[in-house]
Protein backbone atom coordinates (compact mmCIF):
# COMPACT_ATOMS: atom_id res chain seq x y z
CA MET A 1 0.00 0.00 0.00
CA LYS A 2 1.25 3.48 -0.91
CA ILE A 3 0.09 6.77 0.58
CA GLY A 4 0.50 10.09 -1.16
CA SER A 5 0.07 13.39 0.59
CA ALA A 6 0.54 17.04 -0.22
CA ILE A 7 0.37 20.35 1.56
CA VAL A 8 -0.50 23.22 -0.77
CA THR A 9 -0.24 26.90 0.11
CA PHE A 10 -2.11 29.58 -1.80
CA ARG A 11 -2.00 33.38 -1.57
CA ALA A 12 -5.24 35.30 -2.09
CA GLU A 13 -4.38 38.99 -1.83
CA TRP A 14 -7.99 40.14 -2.40
CA VAL A 15 -9.23 38.36 0.76
CA HIS A 16 -9.66 40.81 3.65
CA SER A 17 -11.64 38.84 6.24
CA LEU A 18 -11.83 35.36 7.69
CA LYS A 19 -15.34 35.08 6.27
CA GLU A 20 -14.04 35.62 2.73
CA LYS A 21 -11.21 33.17 3.37
CA ARG A 22 -13.62 30.48 4.58
CA MET A 23 -15.72 30.97 1.44
CA VAL A 24 -12.68 30.47 -0.83
CA ILE A 25 -11.37 27.48 1.17
CA LYS A 26 -14.78 25.80 1.33
CA SER A 27 -15.25 26.15 -2.43
CA LEU A 28 -11.77 24.80 -3.17
CA ILE A 29 -12.17 21.82 -0.84
CA GLU A 30 -15.67 20.87 -1.99
CA LYS A 31 -14.88 21.08 -5.71
CA THR A 32 -11.69 19.04 -5.26
CA ARG A 33 -13.37 16.43 -3.04
CA HIS A 34 -16.21 16.10 -5.55
CA LYS A 35 -13.84 15.56 -8.48
CA PHE A 36 -11.36 13.19 -6.79
CA ASN A 37 -11.65 10.46 -4.18
CA ILE A 38 -9.27 12.08 -1.65
CA SER A 39 -9.22 13.27 1.92
CA ILE A 40 -8.75 17.05 2.03
CA ALA A 41 -8.89 19.77 4.70
CA GLU A 42 -7.51 23.16 5.70
CA VAL A 43 -4.39 22.37 7.72
CA ASP A 44 -2.58 25.56 8.67
CA THR A 45 -2.65 29.38 8.83
CA PRO A 46 -6.20 29.71 10.21
CA ASP A 47 -5.72 33.33 11.32
CA ASN A 48 -3.95 34.73 8.24
CA HIS A 49 -6.64 36.04 5.87
CA GLN A 50 -4.58 35.92 2.69
CA ILE A 51 -2.73 32.61 3.07
CA LEU A 52 -4.71 29.39 2.49
CA THR A 53 -3.10 26.05 3.33
CA VAL A 54 -4.78 22.81 2.30
CA GLY A 55 -3.62 19.24 2.86
CA PHE A 56 -4.82 16.18 1.01
CA ALA A 57 -4.01 12.47 0.86
CA CYS A 58 -4.77 9.47 -1.32
CA VAL A 59 -4.06 5.75 -1.17
CA SER A 60 -3.14 3.29 -3.92
CA ASN A 61 -1.12 0.15 -4.48
CA SER A 62 1.18 1.88 -6.98
CA ALA A 63 3.59 4.77 -6.40
CA GLN A 64 3.22 5.76 -10.06
CA HIS A 65 -0.55 6.02 -9.69
CA ILE A 66 -0.11 8.14 -6.54
CA ASP A 67 2.30 10.46 -8.36
CA GLU A 68 -0.15 10.87 -11.25
CA MET A 69 -3.03 11.49 -8.84
CA LEU A 70 -1.10 14.16 -6.91
CA ALA A 71 -0.23 15.93 -10.18
CA GLN A 72 -3.86 15.83 -11.36
CA VAL A 73 -5.20 17.19 -8.07
CA LEU A 74 -2.62 19.98 -7.96
CA ASN A 75 -3.36 20.97 -11.55
CA PHE A 76 -7.12 20.95 -10.85
CA MET A 77 -6.73 23.05 -7.70
CA GLU A 78 -4.58 25.59 -9.50
CA ASN A 79 -7.15 25.96 -12.28
CA ILE A 80 -10.32 26.31 -10.17
CA THR A 81 -9.23 29.15 -7.91
CA GLU A 82 -7.96 32.65 -8.51
CA ALA A 83 -5.57 32.28 -5.59
CA GLU A 84 -1.90 31.92 -6.49
CA MET A 85 -0.29 28.57 -5.63
CA ILE A 86 2.93 29.55 -3.82
CA ALA A 87 4.18 26.30 -2.26
CA VAL A 88 3.69 22.54 -2.56
CA GLN A 89 5.14 19.82 -0.33
CA GLN A 90 4.57 16.27 -1.58
CA GLU A 91 5.37 12.94 -0.01
CA ILE A 92 4.81 9.34 -1.04
CA ILE A 93 5.17 6.72 1.67
C-alpha cells in the first residue's frame, strides 16, 4: 500500500476577512473532493486572511498512480481558484 500526501499553500491577496477566506477554502475543498476520491482539509494558517493552506491524501497500491493522482489534483486546484499557488510539499510513503 502506498500513501501520497501534499500540503498546498495559496496566496489570495484580495481576501480581507476570515469570512471571505472560509468561502474560498470551502469552495476549493468541496470542488476538489467532488472531483477526486481524496481526503482534504484546511491544515494551517487559520488566522492569516490571505494565506490558504490545504492538505490532502490518497491511497493506492502503486507509487506511479499516486504520483499521477497528486499531479492531477494539484493541476485541478490551481485551475479552479484565482488564488496563487505559492508552495507545494509532496510525499509518497
